[in-house]
Protein backbone atom coordinates (compact mmCIF):
# COMPACT_ATOMS: atom_id res chain seq x y z
CA MET A 1 251.69 190.24 205.87
CA SER A 2 254.41 187.32 204.41
CA LEU A 3 252.48 185.58 201.45
CA ARG A 4 255.07 182.72 200.21
CA LEU A 5 254.54 180.86 197.03
CA HIS A 6 255.74 177.09 197.07
CA PHE A 7 256.35 175.38 193.70
CA TYR A 8 255.90 171.63 194.69
CA GLY A 9 254.85 170.73 190.58
CA ALA A 10 255.44 171.69 187.42
CA ALA A 11 258.40 173.03 187.85
CA GLY A 12 261.55 172.47 185.45
CA ALA A 13 258.64 169.84 183.94
CA VAL A 14 255.59 169.59 182.37
CA THR A 15 253.80 167.36 184.46
CA GLY A 16 252.42 167.42 188.14
CA SER A 17 250.94 170.92 188.53
CA CYS A 18 251.03 172.13 192.29
CA PHE A 19 251.48 175.49 193.31
CA MET A 20 250.61 176.59 197.14
CA LEU A 21 250.10 180.45 198.97
CA GLU A 22 250.44 180.50 201.91
CA THR A 23 249.77 183.21 204.79
CA SER A 24 249.83 182.85 208.81
CA ALA A 25 246.52 181.43 208.66
CA VAL A 26 245.73 179.85 204.95
CA ARG A 27 246.83 177.73 202.52
CA VAL A 28 245.49 177.58 198.76
CA LEU A 29 246.70 175.07 196.57
CA VAL A 30 246.34 175.89 192.67
CA ASP A 31 246.27 172.39 190.85
CA CYS A 32 247.28 169.35 192.57
CA GLY A 33 248.39 167.01 189.57
CA MET A 34 250.55 163.85 188.90
CA PHE A 35 253.67 163.39 187.94
CA GLN A 36 254.48 162.19 184.48
CA GLY A 37 257.62 161.09 182.62
CA SER A 38 260.55 159.85 184.14
CA LYS A 39 260.35 157.08 186.76
CA SER A 40 261.49 159.15 189.55
CA GLU A 41 259.39 161.72 188.68
CA ARG A 42 255.75 159.46 188.73
CA GLU A 43 257.82 157.74 192.18
CA LEU A 44 256.69 161.41 193.48
CA ASN A 45 253.30 160.20 193.25
CA TYR A 46 253.60 157.63 195.81
CA ARG A 47 255.37 159.81 198.31
CA HIS A 48 253.52 161.76 201.15
CA PHE A 49 252.85 165.26 199.93
CA PRO A 50 255.47 167.87 201.01
CA PHE A 51 252.74 169.30 202.98
CA ARG A 52 249.96 168.66 205.44
CA ALA A 53 246.96 167.92 203.03
CA ALA A 54 244.66 168.44 206.51
CA GLY A 55 246.12 171.97 207.03
CA ILE A 56 245.44 172.82 203.55
CA SER A 57 241.91 175.31 203.35
CA ALA A 58 240.75 175.29 199.42
CA LEU A 59 241.94 174.18 195.60
CA CYS A 60 241.51 176.14 193.39
CA LEU A 61 241.69 173.70 189.61
CA THR A 62 242.12 175.07 186.44
CA HIS A 63 241.50 172.23 184.63
CA ALA A 64 240.96 168.39 184.33
CA HIS A 65 243.82 167.06 182.80
CA ILE A 66 245.59 164.36 184.95
CA ASP A 67 248.55 166.23 185.20
CA HIS A 68 247.03 169.15 187.07
CA SER A 69 243.92 167.31 188.79
CA GLY A 70 245.22 163.91 189.21
CA LEU A 71 246.44 164.01 192.99
CA ILE A 72 243.10 164.82 194.68
CA PRO A 73 241.72 161.29 195.20
CA LYS A 74 245.50 161.11 197.38
CA LEU A 75 244.78 164.65 198.84
CA VAL A 76 241.46 163.86 200.00
CA LYS A 77 242.39 160.47 201.35
CA ALA A 78 245.24 162.07 203.24
CA GLY A 79 242.69 164.65 205.09
CA PHE A 80 241.81 167.55 202.62
CA ASP A 81 238.35 168.39 203.48
CA GLY A 82 237.98 171.77 202.18
CA PRO A 83 236.18 173.12 198.64
CA ILE A 84 237.72 172.26 195.27
CA TYR A 85 236.64 175.34 193.30
CA ALA A 86 236.25 174.73 189.32
CA THR A 87 234.51 175.28 186.70
CA GLU A 88 231.48 173.23 186.03
CA ALA A 89 232.71 171.80 182.80
CA THR A 90 235.86 170.93 184.78
CA ALA A 91 233.92 169.70 187.69
CA ASP A 92 232.35 167.32 184.96
CA LEU A 93 235.06 166.24 182.99
CA ALA A 94 237.03 165.15 186.42
CA SER A 95 233.96 163.26 187.72
CA ILE A 96 234.81 160.83 184.94
CA MET A 97 238.50 161.51 184.65
CA LEU A 98 239.41 160.57 188.17
CA PRO A 99 237.76 157.65 188.34
CA ASP A 100 239.24 156.47 185.01
CA SER A 101 242.65 157.45 186.76
CA GLY A 102 241.68 155.11 189.62
CA HIS A 103 240.83 152.69 187.80
CA ILE A 104 244.05 152.62 185.23
CA GLN A 105 246.02 152.66 188.92
CA GLU A 106 244.05 149.46 189.85
CA MET A 107 244.60 147.77 186.99
CA GLU A 108 248.51 148.51 186.56
CA VAL A 109 249.02 147.81 190.27
CA GLU A 110 246.71 144.20 189.52
CA ASN A 111 249.63 143.53 186.77
CA LEU A 112 252.57 144.54 188.44
CA ASN A 113 251.62 142.48 191.40
CA ARG A 114 251.15 139.79 189.32
CA ARG A 115 254.44 139.87 188.27
CA ASN A 116 255.75 140.48 191.25
CA SER A 117 254.64 137.27 193.17
CA ARG A 118 256.34 135.46 190.51
CA ARG A 119 259.57 137.45 191.50
CA THR A 120 259.09 136.89 195.26
CA ARG A 121 258.85 141.06 195.19
CA PRO A 122 256.26 142.91 197.86
CA ALA A 123 252.95 143.71 197.05
CA VAL A 124 252.39 147.09 195.96
CA PHE A 125 249.40 149.20 196.29
CA PRO A 126 247.67 152.03 193.76
CA ILE A 127 248.25 155.77 194.60
CA TYR A 128 244.13 155.68 194.66
CA THR A 129 241.40 153.36 194.22
CA ALA A 130 238.77 154.51 191.34
CA GLU A 131 236.14 154.34 194.38
CA GLU A 132 238.57 156.48 196.69
CA ALA A 133 238.41 159.04 193.10
CA ALA A 134 234.91 159.32 193.25
CA ALA A 135 233.85 159.95 196.98
CA SER A 136 236.78 162.98 196.46
CA LEU A 137 234.39 164.49 193.95
CA SER A 138 231.66 165.54 196.41
CA THR A 139 234.14 168.44 197.77
CA PHE A 140 233.73 169.80 193.94
CA ARG A 141 232.39 173.77 194.11
CA SER A 142 231.68 175.13 190.40
CA VAL A 143 232.52 178.58 189.82
CA PRO A 144 231.38 180.64 186.74
CA TYR A 145 233.91 183.06 184.71
CA GLY A 146 234.37 186.31 185.30
CA GLN A 147 232.88 186.28 188.98
CA TRP A 148 235.03 186.87 192.19
CA GLU A 149 234.35 183.95 194.90
CA ALA A 150 235.43 184.23 198.56
CA ILE A 151 237.81 180.93 198.98
CA ALA A 152 239.42 181.74 201.81
CA PRO A 153 239.57 183.79 204.95
CA GLY A 154 241.94 186.99 202.99
CA PHE A 155 241.26 185.06 199.52
CA ARG A 156 239.02 185.67 196.77
CA ALA A 157 239.30 184.20 193.13
CA ARG A 158 237.96 185.16 189.71
CA TYR A 159 238.43 182.40 186.76
CA TRP A 160 238.92 183.47 183.30
CA ASN A 161 238.97 181.14 179.68
CA ALA A 162 242.25 179.79 179.16
CA GLY A 163 241.15 178.51 175.75
CA HIS A 164 242.96 175.32 176.49
CA LEU A 165 240.20 172.86 177.22
CA LEU A 166 236.83 172.77 177.88
CA GLY A 167 236.22 174.43 181.27
CA SER A 168 239.78 175.88 181.67
CA ALA A 169 240.80 178.43 183.38
CA SER A 170 243.37 181.10 184.38
CA ILE A 171 243.06 181.95 187.60
CA GLU A 172 243.26 185.30 189.20
CA ILE A 173 243.78 185.02 192.99
CA GLU A 174 243.89 188.38 195.36
CA VAL A 175 245.45 188.11 198.61
CA THR A 176 244.60 191.01 201.80
CA SER A 177 245.93 191.26 204.85
CA GLU A 178 243.60 192.16 208.13
CA GLY A 179 245.54 195.11 208.37
CA GLY A 180 243.72 196.39 205.42
CA GLU A 181 246.86 196.87 203.39
CA LYS A 182 247.01 196.95 199.74
CA PRO A 183 246.26 193.50 198.31
CA ILE A 184 249.01 191.00 196.28
CA ARG A 185 247.16 190.23 193.21
CA LEU A 186 248.24 187.23 191.56
CA LEU A 187 247.16 185.09 188.16
CA PHE A 188 247.81 181.62 187.33
CA SER A 189 247.95 181.39 183.66
CA GLY A 190 246.96 177.35 183.92
CA ASP A 191 247.82 175.70 180.48
CA ILE A 192 247.22 178.46 177.79
CA GLY A 193 245.68 177.40 174.46
CA PRO A 194 247.12 178.51 170.88
CA ASP A 195 244.81 180.52 168.40
CA HIS A 196 244.23 177.96 166.10
CA LYS A 197 242.60 175.58 168.82
CA LEU A 198 239.99 174.10 167.12
CA LEU A 199 236.73 173.88 169.98
CA GLN A 200 237.94 176.48 171.99
CA PRO A 201 237.92 180.68 172.05
CA GLY A 202 240.87 182.54 172.61
CA PRO A 203 242.58 182.80 176.10
CA ASP A 204 241.02 186.03 178.30
CA GLY A 205 241.95 187.75 181.12
CA PRO A 206 242.12 190.83 182.93
CA PRO A 207 245.93 193.13 183.22
CA ASP A 208 247.55 194.57 186.25
CA PHE A 209 248.89 192.07 188.52
CA ASP A 210 251.81 191.91 190.88
CA TYR A 211 252.88 188.08 189.81
CA VAL A 212 251.72 186.42 186.63
CA ILE A 213 252.67 182.52 187.37
CA LEU A 214 253.49 181.39 183.34
CA GLU A 215 253.31 177.98 181.63
CA SER A 216 256.04 177.57 179.17
CA THR A 217 255.05 174.52 177.58
CA TYR A 218 256.63 175.61 174.06
CA GLY A 219 258.34 178.77 174.78
CA ASP A 220 260.97 177.29 172.40
CA THR A 221 258.01 177.25 169.30
CA ASP A 222 256.82 179.18 166.58
CA ARG A 223 254.16 177.56 164.83
CA ALA A 224 254.08 180.97 162.56
CA GLY A 225 251.57 180.50 159.66
CA MET A 226 249.62 177.51 161.29
CA THR A 227 245.82 177.45 160.72
CA ILE A 228 243.00 175.43 161.54
CA GLU A 229 243.18 174.73 157.19
CA ARG A 230 246.45 173.86 156.99
CA ARG A 231 246.72 171.08 159.90
CA ARG A 232 243.70 169.40 157.85
CA ARG A 233 245.71 169.07 155.19
CA MET A 234 248.97 168.36 156.96
CA LEU A 235 246.65 165.33 158.72
CA ARG A 236 245.26 164.75 155.18
CA ASP A 237 248.77 164.17 153.96
CA GLU A 238 249.85 161.94 157.22
CA VAL A 239 246.95 159.48 156.59
CA ARG A 240 247.52 159.27 152.61
CA ALA A 241 251.43 158.49 153.59
CA ALA A 242 250.48 155.83 156.43
CA THR A 243 247.60 154.05 154.05
CA ARG A 244 248.66 150.13 153.56
CA PRO A 245 246.13 147.71 152.22
CA SER A 246 246.45 145.62 155.78
CA GLY A 247 248.09 148.52 157.65
CA VAL A 248 247.31 151.09 160.69
CA LEU A 249 247.54 154.31 161.80
CA LEU A 250 248.06 154.44 165.30
CA ILE A 251 247.39 157.60 166.96
CA PRO A 252 248.29 158.15 171.00
CA SER A 253 245.82 160.90 172.20
CA PHE A 254 244.73 162.43 175.24
CA ALA A 255 240.70 161.09 175.67
CA VAL A 256 239.45 164.71 176.25
CA GLU A 257 239.21 167.36 173.62
CA ARG A 258 242.34 166.13 171.43
CA THR A 259 240.63 162.97 170.70
CA GLN A 260 237.64 164.99 169.76
CA GLU A 261 239.21 167.62 167.49
CA LEU A 262 241.26 164.61 165.31
CA LEU A 263 237.89 163.80 164.74
CA VAL A 264 236.39 166.38 163.45
CA ASP A 265 239.15 167.07 161.48
CA LEU A 266 238.96 163.33 160.46
CA MET A 267 235.31 163.60 159.26
CA LYS A 268 235.81 167.02 157.40
CA LEU A 269 238.07 165.41 155.44
CA MET A 270 236.33 162.59 154.51
CA ASP A 271 232.87 164.45 153.55
CA ALA A 272 235.35 166.54 151.69
CA GLY A 273 236.65 163.78 149.22
CA GLU A 274 240.34 164.22 150.66
CA LEU A 275 240.07 161.06 152.10
CA PRO A 276 238.07 157.70 151.44
CA ASP A 277 236.05 156.47 154.02
CA ILE A 278 238.33 154.92 156.74
CA PRO A 279 236.71 153.65 160.02
CA VAL A 280 238.08 155.41 162.93
CA PHE A 281 238.41 153.38 166.35
CA ILE A 282 238.50 155.19 170.01
CA ASP A 283 239.68 152.99 172.29
CA SER A 284 239.08 154.51 175.03
CA PRO A 285 236.39 154.24 177.43
CA LEU A 286 237.21 157.54 179.41
CA ALA A 287 236.98 158.95 175.46
CA SER A 288 233.59 157.46 175.04
CA LYS A 289 232.53 159.30 178.70
CA ALA A 290 234.30 162.78 177.71
CA SER A 291 232.44 163.07 174.12
CA ALA A 292 229.28 162.73 176.12
CA ILE A 293 230.00 165.70 178.36
CA PHE A 294 231.29 167.33 174.82
CA LYS A 295 228.03 166.46 173.64
CA ARG A 296 226.19 167.88 176.70
CA HIS A 297 228.18 171.23 176.28
CA ALA A 298 228.30 171.71 172.39
CA GLY A 299 226.78 175.14 172.76
CA GLU A 300 230.22 176.23 174.73
CA LEU A 301 232.21 175.38 172.15
CA ARG A 302 233.56 176.44 168.38
CA GLU A 303 232.58 173.83 166.09
CA GLY A 304 230.40 172.37 168.46
CA GLN A 305 227.68 170.75 165.96
CA ASP A 306 230.53 169.33 163.69
CA LEU A 307 231.99 167.71 166.71
CA VAL A 308 228.16 166.33 167.54
CA ARG A 309 227.91 164.87 163.68
CA ALA A 310 231.72 163.70 163.64
CA LEU A 311 230.88 161.80 166.95
CA GLU A 312 227.70 160.11 165.44
CA SER A 313 229.47 159.37 162.20
CA ARG A 314 228.72 155.96 161.01
CA TRP A 315 232.50 155.43 160.50
CA VAL A 316 233.47 156.23 163.99
CA ARG A 317 233.57 153.55 166.52
CA PHE A 318 234.27 153.48 170.28
CA THR A 319 235.23 150.58 171.97
CA GLU A 320 234.15 149.73 175.97
CA SER A 321 235.31 146.03 176.77
CA VAL A 322 238.92 144.81 176.65
CA ASP A 323 237.34 142.62 174.61
CA GLU A 324 236.15 144.87 172.47
CA SER A 325 239.70 146.29 172.32
CA LYS A 326 241.50 143.24 171.46
CA ALA A 327 239.23 142.49 168.43
CA ILE A 328 240.63 145.56 166.46
CA ASP A 329 243.88 143.32 165.93
CA ARG A 330 241.71 141.09 163.57
CA ILE A 331 240.86 143.84 161.16
CA HIS A 332 242.83 143.17 157.88
CA SER A 333 242.23 146.02 155.83
CA PHE A 334 243.42 150.03 156.95
CA HIS A 335 242.24 151.62 159.84
CA ILE A 336 243.02 154.12 162.42
CA ILE A 337 242.87 153.58 166.10
CA ILE A 338 242.99 156.55 168.67
CA ALA A 339 243.52 155.51 172.14
CA ALA A 340 244.95 157.18 175.52
CA SER A 341 247.46 157.39 176.82
CA GLY A 342 248.60 160.92 174.85
CA MET A 343 252.33 159.86 175.86
CA CYS A 344 252.36 155.99 175.59
CA ASP A 345 252.70 155.53 179.32
CA ALA A 346 249.80 153.59 180.21
CA GLY A 347 246.08 152.51 178.83
CA ARG A 348 245.08 150.82 176.14
CA ILE A 349 247.59 152.34 173.32
CA ARG A 350 250.25 149.94 174.78
CA HIS A 351 248.78 146.79 173.70
CA HIS A 352 248.21 148.53 170.14
CA LEU A 353 251.69 149.67 169.95
CA LYS A 354 253.39 146.14 171.43
CA ALA A 355 251.03 144.55 167.96
CA TRP A 356 251.97 147.05 165.22
CA LEU A 357 255.45 148.54 166.59
CA TRP A 358 256.89 146.00 164.64
CA ARG A 359 255.48 145.73 161.56
CA GLU A 360 256.21 147.85 158.73
CA ASP A 361 253.02 148.48 157.35
CA ALA A 362 251.87 150.39 160.76
CA THR A 363 252.39 154.45 160.98
CA VAL A 364 252.29 155.93 165.01
CA LEU A 365 251.41 159.34 164.79
CA PHE A 366 252.32 161.44 167.60
CA VAL A 367 249.85 164.73 167.92
CA GLY A 368 250.83 166.20 171.36
CA TYR A 369 253.58 166.75 173.74
CA GLN A 370 255.84 164.17 174.95
CA ALA A 371 257.64 164.31 178.30
CA GLN A 372 261.12 163.20 179.12
CA GLY A 373 261.25 159.86 180.12
CA THR A 374 258.03 158.72 178.41
CA LEU A 375 257.88 155.70 175.89
CA GLY A 376 256.41 158.50 173.54
CA ARG A 377 259.33 160.75 173.68
CA ILE A 378 261.65 157.71 173.55
CA LEU A 379 259.97 156.54 170.25
CA GLN A 380 259.76 159.87 168.84
CA GLU A 381 263.80 160.51 169.40
CA GLY A 382 263.96 157.44 166.90
CA VAL A 383 264.91 154.28 168.69
CA SER A 384 265.08 151.00 166.90
CA ARG A 385 264.22 149.08 170.12
CA ILE A 386 261.76 149.50 172.97
CA ARG A 387 260.99 147.39 175.97
CA LEU A 388 257.44 147.10 176.48
CA ARG A 389 255.56 144.95 179.01
CA GLY A 390 258.91 142.95 179.96
CA GLU A 391 259.45 142.17 176.44
CA GLU A 392 261.78 143.73 173.83
CA ILE A 393 260.35 144.69 170.47
CA ARG A 394 262.19 146.15 166.83
CA VAL A 395 260.58 149.15 165.90
CA ARG A 396 260.00 149.03 162.39
CA ALA A 397 256.54 151.03 162.40
CA ARG A 398 256.60 154.33 160.53
CA LEU A 399 257.01 156.78 163.43
CA ARG A 400 255.90 160.91 162.62
CA THR A 401 254.87 163.71 164.43
CA LEU A 402 252.44 166.63 163.54
CA ASP A 403 252.98 168.49 166.95
CA LEU A 404 249.69 170.87 165.54
CA TYR A 405 247.16 169.43 167.82
CA SER A 406 248.64 170.65 171.01
CA GLY A 407 246.30 172.66 173.29
CA HIS A 408 248.89 174.52 174.33
CA ALA A 409 249.96 178.22 173.02
CA ASP A 410 253.59 178.60 171.22
CA ALA A 411 256.10 181.19 172.24
CA PRO A 412 254.57 183.81 170.44
CA GLU A 413 251.12 183.21 171.75
CA LEU A 414 252.32 183.43 175.25
CA LEU A 415 254.47 186.64 174.55
CA ALA A 416 251.14 188.16 173.61
CA TRP A 417 248.96 186.45 176.29
CA LEU A 418 251.53 188.01 178.80
CA LYS A 419 251.51 191.34 176.87
CA ASP A 420 247.83 191.90 177.12
CA ARG A 421 248.24 190.98 181.17
CA LEU A 422 250.69 194.21 181.45
CA PRO A 423 251.72 195.71 183.99
CA VAL A 424 253.11 193.09 185.86
CA ARG A 425 254.98 195.00 188.72
CA ARG A 426 256.94 192.54 190.87
CA GLY A 427 257.71 189.35 188.77
CA VAL A 428 256.86 186.67 186.05
CA PHE A 429 257.71 183.01 187.00
CA LEU A 430 257.85 180.42 184.37
CA VAL A 431 256.62 177.06 185.10
CA HIS A 432 255.34 174.17 183.35
CA GLY A 433 258.06 173.39 180.57
CA GLU A 434 261.46 171.59 180.23
CA ALA A 435 264.84 173.62 180.33
CA PRO A 436 265.25 174.38 176.68
CA ALA A 437 261.69 175.93 176.31
CA LEU A 438 261.61 178.22 180.13
CA ASN A 439 264.98 179.45 179.16
CA ALA A 440 264.16 180.71 175.24
CA LEU A 441 260.95 181.90 176.40
CA ARG A 442 262.70 183.91 179.23
CA ALA A 443 265.46 185.36 176.65
CA SER A 444 262.55 186.60 174.78
CA MET A 445 260.88 188.52 177.52
CA PRO A 446 262.82 191.20 178.26
CA ASP A 447 260.84 193.73 176.15
CA VAL A 448 258.08 192.62 178.18
CA VAL A 449 259.15 192.07 181.39
CA PRO A 450 262.61 192.72 182.73
CA ALA A 451 264.65 190.05 183.37
CA HIS A 452 265.33 190.56 186.54
CA ARG A 453 261.83 190.08 187.45
CA THR A 454 261.33 186.79 185.71
CA ILE A 455 262.28 183.62 187.58
CA ILE A 456 262.49 179.51 186.47
CA ALA A 457 261.31 178.43 189.28
CA SER A 458 262.57 175.07 190.36
CA LEU A 459 260.48 171.73 192.59
CA ASP A 460 259.95 172.53 195.85
CA GLU A 461 261.55 176.16 195.89
CA ILE A 462 259.76 178.99 198.16
CA TYR A 463 259.80 182.38 197.51
CA GLU A 464 258.58 184.88 199.27
CA LEU A 465 256.03 187.35 197.77
CA SER A 466 255.53 190.51 200.15
CA GLY A 467 258.18 192.72 199.39
CA GLU A 468 259.22 194.54 195.91
CA ALA A 469 260.23 191.47 194.31
CA ALA A 470 259.94 187.45 195.03
CA VAL A 471 262.41 186.28 197.14
CA LEU A 472 263.72 182.78 197.45
CA ILE A 473 263.67 180.93 200.36
CA GLU A 474 266.96 178.75 201.03
CA ASP A 475 267.37 175.66 202.61
CA GLN A 476 263.98 173.96 201.80
CA GLU A 477 263.76 170.47 201.37
CA ARG A 478 263.58 168.64 198.01
CA ARG A 479 262.51 165.57 197.08
CA LEU A 480 264.49 165.67 193.61
CA SER A 481 267.49 167.45 192.60
CA PRO A 482 266.84 169.97 189.62
CA GLN A 483 268.93 168.26 187.05
CA SER A 484 267.07 165.54 188.03
CA VAL A 485 263.04 166.98 187.22
CA GLY A 486 262.52 167.05 183.71
CA HIS A 487 265.33 164.62 181.83
CA ARG A 488 265.69 161.01 181.25
CA ASP A 489 266.69 159.29 184.57
CA TRP A 490 268.63 155.78 185.15
CA HIS A 491 265.62 153.93 184.89
CA ASN A 492 265.81 154.77 180.96
CA ASP A 493 269.28 154.40 180.75
CA PHE A 494 269.12 150.48 182.31
CA SER A 495 266.62 149.71 179.41
CA GLU A 496 268.53 151.30 176.56
CA LEU A 497 271.69 149.54 178.08
CA LEU A 498 269.76 146.23 178.01
CA LEU A 499 268.49 146.40 174.78
CA ASP A 500 272.09 147.57 173.75
CA LEU A 501 273.51 144.47 175.04
CA ASN A 502 270.75 142.11 173.37
CA ALA A 503 271.90 144.12 170.20
CA ALA A 504 275.71 143.37 170.26
CA ILE A 505 275.21 140.00 171.32
CA GLU A 506 272.87 139.43 167.86
CA ARG A 507 275.55 141.36 165.70
CA ALA A 508 278.24 139.08 167.18
CA ALA A 509 279.76 136.76 164.51
CA ASP A 510 279.64 133.38 166.78
CA ARG A 511 279.67 131.90 169.88
CA LYS A 512 282.92 132.89 171.32
CA ALA A 513 282.45 136.57 170.17
CA LYS A 514 279.16 136.59 172.06
CA GLU A 515 280.87 134.91 174.84
CA ALA A 516 283.34 137.69 174.82
CA ILE A 517 281.08 140.78 175.56
CA ILE A 518 279.42 138.98 178.00
CA ARG A 519 283.08 138.64 179.87
CA ARG A 520 283.80 142.38 179.25
CA VAL A 521 280.54 143.32 180.97
CA ARG A 522 281.09 141.02 183.70
CA ARG A 523 284.30 142.06 184.63
CA ALA A 524 283.01 146.08 183.97
CA LEU A 525 280.19 144.60 187.06
CA GLU A 526 283.02 143.12 189.02
CA THR A 527 285.76 146.43 189.32
CA GLU A 528 281.96 148.38 190.67
């Protein structure tokens, strides 16, 4: 039996999760996520899939985050009509997250086309609409944890709690040939939750696999000694330091689970008197809908009742409409705004950043992973100016990072999870990480899995899995070079160049000095 594994996303980067298992008769996808990060990577969302959508037999979804689920409506639109297997909670969250993703795309394309019309540029179209996203939900099939499900001829799958997000799963897949050979057993980790996750239990799963496909987001990080209590103290200190009479604390955050965890911790600190009562605005319609789903599933969550109490606190205010969102800007006392997106590349957080980044009485607190090329990563790295919505903004706000609300395990936790899956006979593929994290995790693994059995997969690579070890199939077509994935691209460099040029002209002593800078730039362009 030939069994091939295709890496169509989350290979050398942390977004766009998409893997395909292929036999001579069946193709099964694990995840179909949206690319984030640099513009070069985001452009992949608009291209045709590197496979025929109508030829996919089934899709297994690890969880509802958009970097794992966000291209499902596009897949259905392109001709996929098979089942999508997911836990009940994942299906519930996808029912709000995918239409919200379509709505955001429609709004962003509408704004872009308005600018393009002034520049006489052609109109662009969303990857999919909210209506198309809603239509794709009919193909979801709910599966319980721990129960085998026949998903396609010769394929069966079993879902295990990954401890990352409400409904998140690691997916065990067995592939059997018609000849009755011993099945090939694989485990796709999905995103593995950390030990100190507030709402989720620890990840679980069985041992004994041929292959494990392991996420590596924080493969170079060790959060030794971290507890929920210590995290709350650190959050308390950040809020206290941010407090200004007319200031704001902006927290870019994923609307689903990250926001809810922050709320529980903030309300606990206020209830204990460690923070004064502070208005907290959840400026995300998606977060409002997600919170209702979390309430419905509160019995499945650790600290579920604390979450319900936090959501009902009189200091927590959810904003729905754009007008309500803009009205927050008229508040003249200290307040906290939690808004999506978590990497600052879309959503209402960009409006608030534009309103506050230039002010010294503002603090921006990053509480999750910022992928290369995103606005969040650029700000996190300490730039003095940015371009946002076509305008240049000087960054005067305090920029802080408290990367302890991540839903991802650190390196020791990933290794501990992998040890519990042993034996892994034929190989471990490291995915869903940038180069430093991938290389660091691989270097720490020889005592768990031999180095020659550990593979860092690249985008669009294909491996044959039927032998004693995975074999790379050469000459496959690549959409991006490995060097372009998980890195800044020319769009980032161009924006930075414009900012540097403006800064140089501003610093020039007089008109002659400014003209000299412009002449030098023109000469450089003329030599190209």
